[in-house]
Amino acid sequence: MVEFHATTICAVKRPNGDICIGGDGQVTMGETTIMKNGAKKVKKIFKGKVLTGFAGSVADAFSLTDKFENKLEEHAGNLKRAAVDLAQYWRQDKAMRSLEALMIVADEEDLLVISGNGEVIVPDKDVVAIGSGGNYAYSAAVALFENTDLDAEAIVRKSLEIASNICVYTNSNISVEKLEVE
């Protein structure tokens, strides 16, 4: 079986409501082959009110994003209820259990990580990162979050740049989505 290493995703939510999610563009097949440099793994959904980012198999993540948006519709935009419902479905459905991905989702109130193990994780800090370079991006983001006045977008971009200099599965082709809070 070919193993895909795909990505680093980082999200930051500042206390003033400034929320941003970003990801690198690299998709790697196996240990030695870069398949794509410019994949976009972050997007706005649910009428631009929710940010999503995924790490893992690209096809699986697209499927999960679509299912998550359906859950948001079912739960009238309630992010936590939609996330719990998706996680339960993901864990219980035979076809879904084989999907290999993690998701970060955010709206103006919550920042969550959803996994196929049925977990919906609320991070201790308003900073989270997943994927191959997730630990590098997370460390950088926490340092910048706690020690600077940079906005969420600047923290996400700089953290992903730092991860791209360390992790061979992360590149510096960064895409970012920012939530426009009313």
N, C-alpha and C. Protein backbone atom coordinates (compact mmCIF):
# COMPACT_ATOMS: atom_id res chain seq x y z
N MET A 1 0.84 -1.18 0.00
CA MET A 1 0.00 0.00 0.00
C MET A 1 0.88 1.24 0.00
N VAL A 2 0.56 2.21 -0.84
CA VAL A 2 1.31 3.46 -0.92
C VAL A 2 0.84 4.37 0.20
N GLU A 3 1.78 4.89 0.97
CA GLU A 3 1.43 5.80 2.05
C GLU A 3 1.62 7.24 1.60
N PHE A 4 0.61 8.06 1.81
CA PHE A 4 0.68 9.47 1.47
C PHE A 4 0.94 10.28 2.73
N HIS A 5 1.94 11.13 2.66
CA HIS A 5 2.18 12.10 3.72
C HIS A 5 1.67 13.40 3.16
N ALA A 6 0.77 14.01 3.86
CA ALA A 6 0.19 15.20 3.27
C ALA A 6 -0.03 16.25 4.33
N THR A 7 0.87 17.21 4.37
CA THR A 7 0.47 18.45 4.91
C THR A 7 0.77 18.86 6.30
N THR A 8 0.64 20.14 6.48
CA THR A 8 0.61 20.77 7.79
C THR A 8 -0.49 21.81 7.75
N ILE A 9 -1.37 21.77 8.74
CA ILE A 9 -2.45 22.74 8.88
C ILE A 9 -2.31 23.40 10.24
N CYS A 10 -2.49 24.71 10.27
CA CYS A 10 -2.38 25.47 11.52
C CYS A 10 -3.54 26.45 11.60
N ALA A 11 -4.12 26.58 12.79
CA ALA A 11 -5.22 27.53 13.00
C ALA A 11 -4.98 28.31 14.28
N VAL A 12 -5.35 29.59 14.24
CA VAL A 12 -5.19 30.48 15.39
C VAL A 12 -6.46 31.31 15.54
N LYS A 13 -6.86 31.46 16.79
CA LYS A 13 -8.01 32.31 17.12
C LYS A 13 -7.56 33.30 18.20
N ARG A 14 -7.50 34.56 17.85
CA ARG A 14 -7.13 35.61 18.79
C ARG A 14 -8.35 36.01 19.64
N PRO A 15 -8.14 36.48 20.87
CA PRO A 15 -9.26 36.87 21.74
C PRO A 15 -10.19 37.93 21.14
N ASN A 16 -9.69 38.74 20.22
CA ASN A 16 -10.52 39.78 19.60
C ASN A 16 -11.41 39.24 18.48
N GLY A 17 -11.41 37.92 18.28
CA GLY A 17 -12.24 37.31 17.24
C GLY A 17 -11.54 37.11 15.92
N ASP A 18 -10.26 37.46 15.85
CA ASP A 18 -9.45 37.29 14.66
C ASP A 18 -9.13 35.79 14.51
N ILE A 19 -9.65 35.15 13.45
CA ILE A 19 -9.52 33.70 13.28
C ILE A 19 -8.98 33.40 11.88
N CYS A 20 -7.97 32.52 11.83
CA CYS A 20 -7.35 32.19 10.56
C CYS A 20 -6.92 30.73 10.56
N ILE A 21 -6.97 30.11 9.39
CA ILE A 21 -6.47 28.74 9.21
C ILE A 21 -5.64 28.72 7.93
N GLY A 22 -4.56 27.98 7.97
CA GLY A 22 -3.70 27.90 6.79
C GLY A 22 -3.09 26.52 6.65
N GLY A 23 -2.62 26.25 5.45
CA GLY A 23 -1.98 24.97 5.19
C GLY A 23 -0.97 25.09 4.08
N ASP A 24 -0.02 24.17 4.08
CA ASP A 24 0.96 24.14 3.00
C ASP A 24 0.34 23.43 1.81
N GLY A 25 1.06 23.38 0.70
CA GLY A 25 0.50 22.82 -0.52
C GLY A 25 1.08 21.49 -0.95
N GLN A 26 1.95 20.89 -0.15
CA GLN A 26 2.65 19.69 -0.60
C GLN A 26 1.86 18.42 -0.35
N VAL A 27 1.82 17.56 -1.36
CA VAL A 27 1.29 16.21 -1.22
C VAL A 27 2.43 15.28 -1.63
N THR A 28 2.80 14.38 -0.73
CA THR A 28 3.93 13.49 -0.94
C THR A 28 3.46 12.05 -1.00
N MET A 29 4.00 11.30 -1.94
CA MET A 29 3.69 9.88 -2.05
C MET A 29 4.93 9.11 -1.59
N GLY A 30 4.70 8.24 -0.62
CA GLY A 30 5.82 7.46 -0.10
C GLY A 30 6.83 8.35 0.61
N GLU A 31 8.06 7.93 0.62
CA GLU A 31 9.11 8.66 1.31
C GLU A 31 9.87 9.62 0.42
N THR A 32 9.69 9.50 -0.91
CA THR A 32 10.61 10.22 -1.79
C THR A 32 10.00 11.06 -2.89
N THR A 33 8.68 11.01 -3.09
CA THR A 33 8.12 11.66 -4.26
C THR A 33 7.10 12.74 -3.89
N ILE A 34 7.36 13.96 -4.36
CA ILE A 34 6.40 15.03 -4.20
C ILE A 34 5.45 14.96 -5.39
N MET A 35 4.18 14.73 -5.11
CA MET A 35 3.18 14.58 -6.17
C MET A 35 2.58 15.91 -6.59
N LYS A 36 2.51 16.85 -5.64
CA LYS A 36 1.89 18.14 -5.93
C LYS A 36 2.45 19.17 -4.97
N ASN A 37 2.66 20.38 -5.48
CA ASN A 37 3.19 21.46 -4.65
C ASN A 37 2.14 22.47 -4.21
N GLY A 38 1.03 22.53 -4.94
CA GLY A 38 0.07 23.61 -4.70
C GLY A 38 -1.33 23.15 -4.32
N ALA A 39 -1.44 22.07 -3.57
CA ALA A 39 -2.77 21.63 -3.14
C ALA A 39 -3.34 22.64 -2.14
N LYS A 40 -4.64 22.87 -2.22
CA LYS A 40 -5.31 23.77 -1.28
C LYS A 40 -6.10 22.92 -0.31
N LYS A 41 -5.73 22.99 0.95
CA LYS A 41 -6.29 22.10 1.96
C LYS A 41 -7.07 22.86 3.03
N VAL A 42 -7.31 24.13 2.79
CA VAL A 42 -8.13 24.93 3.69
C VAL A 42 -9.22 25.61 2.87
N LYS A 43 -10.39 25.77 3.49
CA LYS A 43 -11.46 26.47 2.77
C LYS A 43 -12.52 26.96 3.73
N LYS A 44 -13.32 27.88 3.21
CA LYS A 44 -14.49 28.37 3.93
C LYS A 44 -15.69 27.56 3.46
N ILE A 45 -16.54 27.19 4.41
CA ILE A 45 -17.78 26.49 4.08
C ILE A 45 -18.93 27.14 4.84
N PHE A 46 -20.11 26.62 4.63
CA PHE A 46 -21.31 27.06 5.33
C PHE A 46 -21.48 28.58 5.23
N LYS A 47 -21.61 29.05 3.98
CA LYS A 47 -21.84 30.46 3.69
C LYS A 47 -20.72 31.36 4.23
N GLY A 48 -19.49 30.83 4.25
CA GLY A 48 -18.34 31.61 4.68
C GLY A 48 -18.22 31.79 6.18
N LYS A 49 -19.01 31.05 6.97
CA LYS A 49 -19.02 31.21 8.42
C LYS A 49 -18.16 30.21 9.16
N VAL A 50 -17.63 29.20 8.42
CA VAL A 50 -16.83 28.13 9.04
C VAL A 50 -15.57 27.92 8.21
N LEU A 51 -14.45 27.79 8.91
CA LEU A 51 -13.18 27.46 8.27
C LEU A 51 -12.88 25.99 8.50
N THR A 52 -12.32 25.33 7.48
CA THR A 52 -11.90 23.94 7.62
C THR A 52 -10.51 23.76 7.03
N GLY A 53 -9.79 22.83 7.59
CA GLY A 53 -8.49 22.43 7.06
C GLY A 53 -8.30 20.97 7.36
N PHE A 54 -7.64 20.27 6.45
CA PHE A 54 -7.49 18.83 6.64
C PHE A 54 -6.06 18.38 6.40
N ALA A 55 -5.72 17.31 7.09
CA ALA A 55 -4.44 16.63 6.87
C ALA A 55 -4.76 15.17 6.64
N GLY A 56 -4.08 14.57 5.69
CA GLY A 56 -4.30 13.17 5.37
C GLY A 56 -4.61 13.01 3.91
N SER A 57 -5.26 11.93 3.58
CA SER A 57 -5.61 11.66 2.20
C SER A 57 -6.52 12.75 1.66
N VAL A 58 -6.16 13.31 0.52
CA VAL A 58 -6.91 14.43 -0.06
C VAL A 58 -8.33 14.01 -0.42
N ALA A 59 -8.50 12.88 -1.06
CA ALA A 59 -9.84 12.41 -1.44
C ALA A 59 -10.70 12.18 -0.20
N ASP A 60 -10.11 11.58 0.84
CA ASP A 60 -10.84 11.35 2.08
C ASP A 60 -11.25 12.67 2.71
N ALA A 61 -10.35 13.63 2.69
CA ALA A 61 -10.64 14.92 3.31
C ALA A 61 -11.75 15.67 2.58
N PHE A 62 -11.77 15.60 1.25
CA PHE A 62 -12.86 16.23 0.50
C PHE A 62 -14.20 15.60 0.88
N SER A 63 -14.21 14.28 0.99
CA SER A 63 -15.42 13.59 1.39
C SER A 63 -15.87 14.03 2.79
N LEU A 64 -14.93 14.11 3.71
CA LEU A 64 -15.24 14.53 5.07
C LEU A 64 -15.74 15.97 5.13
N THR A 65 -15.13 16.84 4.36
CA THR A 65 -15.55 18.24 4.34
C THR A 65 -16.98 18.35 3.86
N ASP A 66 -17.32 17.62 2.81
CA ASP A 66 -18.70 17.62 2.31
C ASP A 66 -19.67 17.09 3.37
N LYS A 67 -19.30 16.00 4.02
CA LYS A 67 -20.16 15.44 5.05
C LYS A 67 -20.29 16.40 6.23
N PHE A 68 -19.21 17.08 6.57
CA PHE A 68 -19.26 18.04 7.68
C PHE A 68 -20.18 19.20 7.34
N GLU A 69 -20.10 19.68 6.11
CA GLU A 69 -20.99 20.78 5.72
C GLU A 69 -22.45 20.34 5.78
N ASN A 70 -22.74 19.10 5.41
CA ASN A 70 -24.10 18.57 5.54
C ASN A 70 -24.54 18.53 7.01
N LYS A 71 -23.62 18.15 7.90
CA LYS A 71 -23.93 18.12 9.33
C LYS A 71 -24.19 19.53 9.86
N LEU A 72 -23.45 20.51 9.36
CA LEU A 72 -23.70 21.90 9.75
C LEU A 72 -25.10 22.33 9.34
N GLU A 73 -25.51 21.94 8.15
CA GLU A 73 -26.87 22.25 7.68
C GLU A 73 -27.90 21.60 8.60
N GLU A 74 -27.68 20.32 8.93
CA GLU A 74 -28.61 19.59 9.80
C GLU A 74 -28.75 20.24 11.17
N HIS A 75 -27.65 20.81 11.67
CA HIS A 75 -27.63 21.37 13.03
C HIS A 75 -27.66 22.91 13.02
N ALA A 76 -28.17 23.49 11.96
CA ALA A 76 -28.36 24.94 11.85
C ALA A 76 -27.09 25.73 12.18
N GLY A 77 -25.94 25.20 11.74
CA GLY A 77 -24.68 25.91 11.92
C GLY A 77 -24.02 25.73 13.27
N ASN A 78 -24.56 24.89 14.15
CA ASN A 78 -23.95 24.66 15.46
C ASN A 78 -22.71 23.80 15.26
N LEU A 79 -21.54 24.43 15.36
CA LEU A 79 -20.27 23.77 15.04
C LEU A 79 -20.01 22.54 15.92
N LYS A 80 -20.20 22.69 17.23
CA LYS A 80 -19.92 21.57 18.13
C LYS A 80 -20.84 20.38 17.87
N ARG A 81 -22.12 20.63 17.70
CA ARG A 81 -23.06 19.53 17.44
C ARG A 81 -22.74 18.86 16.11
N ALA A 82 -22.43 19.65 15.09
CA ALA A 82 -22.08 19.09 13.79
C ALA A 82 -20.80 18.26 13.88
N ALA A 83 -19.82 18.75 14.64
CA ALA A 83 -18.54 18.04 14.79
C ALA A 83 -18.73 16.71 15.51
N VAL A 84 -19.50 16.71 16.60
CA VAL A 84 -19.76 15.47 17.34
C VAL A 84 -20.52 14.48 16.47
N ASP A 85 -21.51 14.97 15.74
CA ASP A 85 -22.29 14.10 14.86
C ASP A 85 -21.40 13.49 13.77
N LEU A 86 -20.53 14.31 13.17
CA LEU A 86 -19.62 13.79 12.15
C LEU A 86 -18.67 12.77 12.75
N ALA A 87 -18.10 13.05 13.91
CA ALA A 87 -17.15 12.13 14.54
C ALA A 87 -17.81 10.79 14.85
N GLN A 88 -19.04 10.83 15.34
CA GLN A 88 -19.76 9.58 15.63
C GLN A 88 -20.02 8.80 14.34
N TYR A 89 -20.47 9.51 13.33
CA TYR A 89 -20.74 8.87 12.04
C TYR A 89 -19.46 8.28 11.46
N TRP A 90 -18.38 9.05 11.54
CA TRP A 90 -17.09 8.64 11.02
C TRP A 90 -16.63 7.34 11.69
N ARG A 91 -16.80 7.28 13.00
CA ARG A 91 -16.34 6.11 13.75
C ARG A 91 -17.22 4.89 13.50
N GLN A 92 -18.53 5.10 13.32
CA GLN A 92 -19.47 3.98 13.24
C GLN A 92 -19.69 3.44 11.83
N ASP A 93 -19.57 4.30 10.82
CA ASP A 93 -19.84 3.87 9.46
C ASP A 93 -18.67 3.04 8.92
N LYS A 94 -18.98 1.87 8.38
CA LYS A 94 -17.93 0.94 7.92
C LYS A 94 -17.03 1.57 6.85
N ALA A 95 -17.62 2.24 5.87
CA ALA A 95 -16.83 2.86 4.81
C ALA A 95 -16.04 4.06 5.33
N MET A 96 -16.65 4.82 6.22
CA MET A 96 -16.00 6.02 6.74
C MET A 96 -14.81 5.69 7.64
N ARG A 97 -14.89 4.56 8.35
CA ARG A 97 -13.81 4.20 9.28
C ARG A 97 -12.46 4.08 8.61
N SER A 98 -12.46 3.78 7.32
CA SER A 98 -11.20 3.60 6.61
C SER A 98 -10.60 4.93 6.12
N LEU A 99 -11.34 6.04 6.27
CA LEU A 99 -10.82 7.32 5.83
C LEU A 99 -9.64 7.75 6.71
N GLU A 100 -8.60 8.25 6.06
CA GLU A 100 -7.39 8.65 6.78
C GLU A 100 -7.22 10.15 6.69
N ALA A 101 -7.75 10.84 7.70
CA ALA A 101 -7.64 12.30 7.71
C ALA A 101 -7.94 12.82 9.11
N LEU A 102 -7.49 14.03 9.35
CA LEU A 102 -7.85 14.81 10.53
C LEU A 102 -8.37 16.14 10.01
N MET A 103 -9.28 16.75 10.75
CA MET A 103 -9.81 18.05 10.35
C MET A 103 -9.69 19.05 11.49
N ILE A 104 -9.40 20.29 11.14
CA ILE A 104 -9.57 21.41 12.05
C ILE A 104 -10.75 22.20 11.52
N VAL A 105 -11.66 22.55 12.40
CA VAL A 105 -12.79 23.38 12.02
C VAL A 105 -12.89 24.55 12.99
N ALA A 106 -13.36 25.69 12.50
CA ALA A 106 -13.47 26.87 13.36
C ALA A 106 -14.61 27.76 12.90
N ASP A 107 -15.27 28.35 13.86
CA ASP A 107 -16.20 29.43 13.58
C ASP A 107 -15.87 30.55 14.57
N GLU A 108 -16.71 31.56 14.67
CA GLU A 108 -16.34 32.69 15.53
C GLU A 108 -16.35 32.34 17.01
N GLU A 109 -16.93 31.19 17.38
CA GLU A 109 -16.97 30.79 18.79
C GLU A 109 -16.00 29.68 19.14
N ASP A 110 -15.80 28.71 18.25
CA ASP A 110 -15.06 27.50 18.59
C ASP A 110 -13.96 27.16 17.60
N LEU A 111 -12.96 26.47 18.11
CA LEU A 111 -11.85 25.92 17.33
C LEU A 111 -11.75 24.46 17.76
N LEU A 112 -11.90 23.52 16.80
CA LEU A 112 -11.97 22.09 17.13
C LEU A 112 -11.11 21.25 16.20
N VAL A 113 -10.68 20.10 16.70
CA VAL A 113 -10.04 19.07 15.89
C VAL A 113 -10.97 17.87 15.89
N ILE A 114 -11.23 17.32 14.69
CA ILE A 114 -12.11 16.15 14.56
C ILE A 114 -11.28 15.00 14.00
N SER A 115 -11.39 13.82 14.65
CA SER A 115 -10.64 12.65 14.18
C SER A 115 -11.59 11.50 13.89
N GLY A 116 -11.09 10.54 13.16
CA GLY A 116 -11.86 9.35 12.82
C GLY A 116 -12.03 8.39 13.97
N ASN A 117 -11.39 8.65 15.09
CA ASN A 117 -11.56 7.81 16.27
C ASN A 117 -12.78 8.22 17.07
N GLY A 118 -13.54 9.17 16.54
CA GLY A 118 -14.71 9.66 17.26
C GLY A 118 -14.39 10.77 18.22
N GLU A 119 -13.23 11.36 18.07
CA GLU A 119 -12.82 12.43 18.98
C GLU A 119 -13.13 13.80 18.40
N VAL A 120 -13.64 14.66 19.26
CA VAL A 120 -13.77 16.08 18.95
C VAL A 120 -13.00 16.78 20.05
N ILE A 121 -11.89 17.40 19.68
CA ILE A 121 -10.97 17.95 20.66
C ILE A 121 -11.05 19.47 20.65
N VAL A 122 -11.28 20.03 21.83
CA VAL A 122 -11.21 21.47 22.02
C VAL A 122 -9.81 21.74 22.58
N PRO A 123 -8.96 22.44 21.83
CA PRO A 123 -7.59 22.64 22.31
C PRO A 123 -7.55 23.52 23.57
N ASP A 124 -6.51 23.32 24.38
CA ASP A 124 -6.32 24.12 25.59
C ASP A 124 -6.06 25.59 25.26
N LYS A 125 -5.38 25.82 24.17
CA LYS A 125 -5.07 27.18 23.72
C LYS A 125 -5.84 27.42 22.43
N ASP A 126 -5.97 28.67 22.05
CA ASP A 126 -6.64 28.99 20.78
C ASP A 126 -5.66 28.88 19.62
N VAL A 127 -4.88 27.82 19.66
CA VAL A 127 -3.89 27.49 18.63
C VAL A 127 -3.94 25.98 18.46
N VAL A 128 -3.93 25.53 17.20
CA VAL A 128 -3.89 24.09 16.96
C VAL A 128 -3.20 23.85 15.62
N ALA A 129 -2.54 22.70 15.51
CA ALA A 129 -1.89 22.33 14.25
C ALA A 129 -1.92 20.81 14.13
N ILE A 130 -2.09 20.34 12.90
CA ILE A 130 -2.15 18.90 12.62
C ILE A 130 -1.29 18.59 11.40
N GLY A 131 -1.06 17.31 11.17
CA GLY A 131 -0.36 16.87 9.98
C GLY A 131 1.11 16.57 10.24
N SER A 132 1.81 16.30 9.16
CA SER A 132 3.21 15.88 9.24
C SER A 132 4.09 16.89 9.97
N GLY A 133 3.88 18.16 9.71
CA GLY A 133 4.66 19.21 10.37
C GLY A 133 3.90 19.90 11.48
N GLY A 134 2.82 19.26 11.95
CA GLY A 134 1.96 19.87 12.95
C GLY A 134 2.66 20.26 14.24
N ASN A 135 3.54 19.41 14.73
CA ASN A 135 4.23 19.74 15.99
C ASN A 135 5.13 20.97 15.84
N TYR A 136 5.77 21.08 14.68
CA TYR A 136 6.64 22.24 14.44
C TYR A 136 5.81 23.52 14.34
N ALA A 137 4.74 23.45 13.57
CA ALA A 137 3.87 24.62 13.40
C ALA A 137 3.21 25.00 14.72
N TYR A 138 2.80 24.02 15.48
CA TYR A 138 2.16 24.28 16.77
C TYR A 138 3.11 25.00 17.72
N SER A 139 4.33 24.50 17.81
CA SER A 139 5.32 25.13 18.70
C SER A 139 5.57 26.58 18.31
N ALA A 140 5.74 26.81 17.03
CA ALA A 140 5.97 28.17 16.55
C ALA A 140 4.76 29.06 16.81
N ALA A 141 3.56 28.53 16.54
CA ALA A 141 2.34 29.32 16.71
C ALA A 141 2.12 29.69 18.18
N VAL A 142 2.36 28.76 19.09
CA VAL A 142 2.19 29.06 20.51
C VAL A 142 3.17 30.15 20.94
N ALA A 143 4.42 30.03 20.51
CA ALA A 143 5.42 31.05 20.87
C ALA A 143 5.01 32.42 20.34
N LEU A 144 4.56 32.48 19.10
CA LEU A 144 4.14 33.75 18.51
C LEU A 144 2.85 34.27 19.16
N PHE A 145 1.92 33.39 19.44
CA PHE A 145 0.65 33.75 20.07
C PHE A 145 0.86 34.37 21.44
N GLU A 146 1.75 33.75 22.22
CA GLU A 146 1.96 34.19 23.60
C GLU A 146 2.94 35.34 23.75
N ASN A 147 3.77 35.58 22.74
CA ASN A 147 4.85 36.56 22.92
C ASN A 147 4.86 37.71 21.93
N THR A 148 3.83 37.79 21.08
CA THR A 148 3.76 38.90 20.13
C THR A 148 2.33 39.40 20.04
N ASP A 149 2.17 40.50 19.36
CA ASP A 149 0.84 41.04 19.08
C ASP A 149 0.44 40.77 17.63
N LEU A 150 1.12 39.84 16.96
CA LEU A 150 0.78 39.52 15.58
C LEU A 150 -0.67 39.05 15.48
N ASP A 151 -1.31 39.38 14.36
CA ASP A 151 -2.67 38.90 14.16
C ASP A 151 -2.65 37.41 13.80
N ALA A 152 -3.83 36.80 13.78
CA ALA A 152 -3.94 35.36 13.54
C ALA A 152 -3.31 34.96 12.21
N GLU A 153 -3.56 35.74 11.17
CA GLU A 153 -3.02 35.39 9.85
C GLU A 153 -1.50 35.40 9.85
N ALA A 154 -0.89 36.40 10.45
CA ALA A 154 0.57 36.48 10.49
C ALA A 154 1.16 35.31 11.27
N ILE A 155 0.51 34.93 12.38
CA ILE A 155 0.99 33.80 13.17
C ILE A 155 0.89 32.50 12.37
N VAL A 156 -0.23 32.29 11.70
CA VAL A 156 -0.41 31.08 10.90
C VAL A 156 0.64 31.01 9.80
N ARG A 157 0.80 32.10 9.05
CA ARG A 157 1.78 32.10 7.95
C ARG A 157 3.20 31.84 8.46
N LYS A 158 3.63 32.54 9.50
CA LYS A 158 4.99 32.39 10.02
C LYS A 158 5.20 30.97 10.58
N SER A 159 4.20 30.44 11.26
CA SER A 159 4.32 29.08 11.82
C SER A 159 4.47 28.04 10.73
N LEU A 160 3.70 28.19 9.65
CA LEU A 160 3.81 27.25 8.53
C LEU A 160 5.14 27.41 7.80
N GLU A 161 5.63 28.64 7.69
CA GLU A 161 6.96 28.85 7.10
C GLU A 161 8.04 28.15 7.92
N ILE A 162 7.95 28.27 9.24
CA ILE A 162 8.92 27.60 10.12
C ILE A 162 8.83 26.09 9.95
N ALA A 163 7.62 25.54 9.94
CA ALA A 163 7.44 24.10 9.75
C ALA A 163 8.02 23.65 8.41
N SER A 164 7.84 24.49 7.37
CA SER A 164 8.33 24.10 6.03
C SER A 164 9.85 24.05 5.97
N ASN A 165 10.51 24.73 6.88
CA ASN A 165 11.98 24.70 6.93
C ASN A 165 12.51 23.50 7.70
N ILE A 166 11.62 22.77 8.38
CA ILE A 166 12.02 21.64 9.22
C ILE A 166 11.48 20.31 8.69
N CYS A 167 10.21 20.29 8.30
CA CYS A 167 9.51 19.05 7.91
C CYS A 167 9.60 18.82 6.40
N VAL A 168 10.09 17.67 5.99
CA VAL A 168 10.23 17.38 4.57
C VAL A 168 8.89 17.16 3.88
N TYR A 169 7.82 16.98 4.63
CA TYR A 169 6.49 16.79 4.07
C TYR A 169 5.67 18.08 4.05
N THR A 170 6.32 19.20 4.31
CA THR A 170 5.65 20.50 4.35
C THR A 170 6.42 21.45 3.45
N ASN A 171 5.70 22.19 2.59
CA ASN A 171 6.39 23.17 1.76
C ASN A 171 5.94 24.59 2.09
N SER A 172 6.54 25.56 1.44
CA SER A 172 6.25 26.96 1.75
C SER A 172 5.19 27.56 0.82
N ASN A 173 4.48 26.73 0.08
CA ASN A 173 3.37 27.19 -0.75
C ASN A 173 2.12 27.21 0.14
N ILE A 174 1.93 28.31 0.83
CA ILE A 174 0.94 28.40 1.90
C ILE A 174 -0.35 29.06 1.40
N SER A 175 -1.47 28.45 1.74
CA SER A 175 -2.77 29.07 1.48
C SER A 175 -3.46 29.32 2.82
N VAL A 176 -4.15 30.45 2.89
CA VAL A 176 -4.74 30.88 4.14
C VAL A 176 -6.18 31.32 3.91
N GLU A 177 -7.03 31.02 4.86
CA GLU A 177 -8.40 31.51 4.88
C GLU A 177 -8.62 32.22 6.21
N LYS A 178 -9.27 33.36 6.15
CA LYS A 178 -9.53 34.15 7.35
C LYS A 178 -11.04 34.30 7.49
N LEU A 179 -11.51 34.13 8.72
CA LEU A 179 -12.93 34.27 8.99
C LEU A 179 -13.23 35.74 9.23
N GLU A 180 -14.18 36.25 8.49
CA GLU A 180 -14.61 37.64 8.67
C GLU A 180 -15.70 37.64 9.74
N VAL A 181 -15.34 38.07 10.94
CA VAL A 181 -16.27 38.09 12.06
C VAL A 181 -17.03 39.40 12.06
N GLU A 182 -18.34 39.28 12.23
CA GLU A 182 -19.20 40.47 12.20
C GLU A 182 -19.26 41.15 13.54
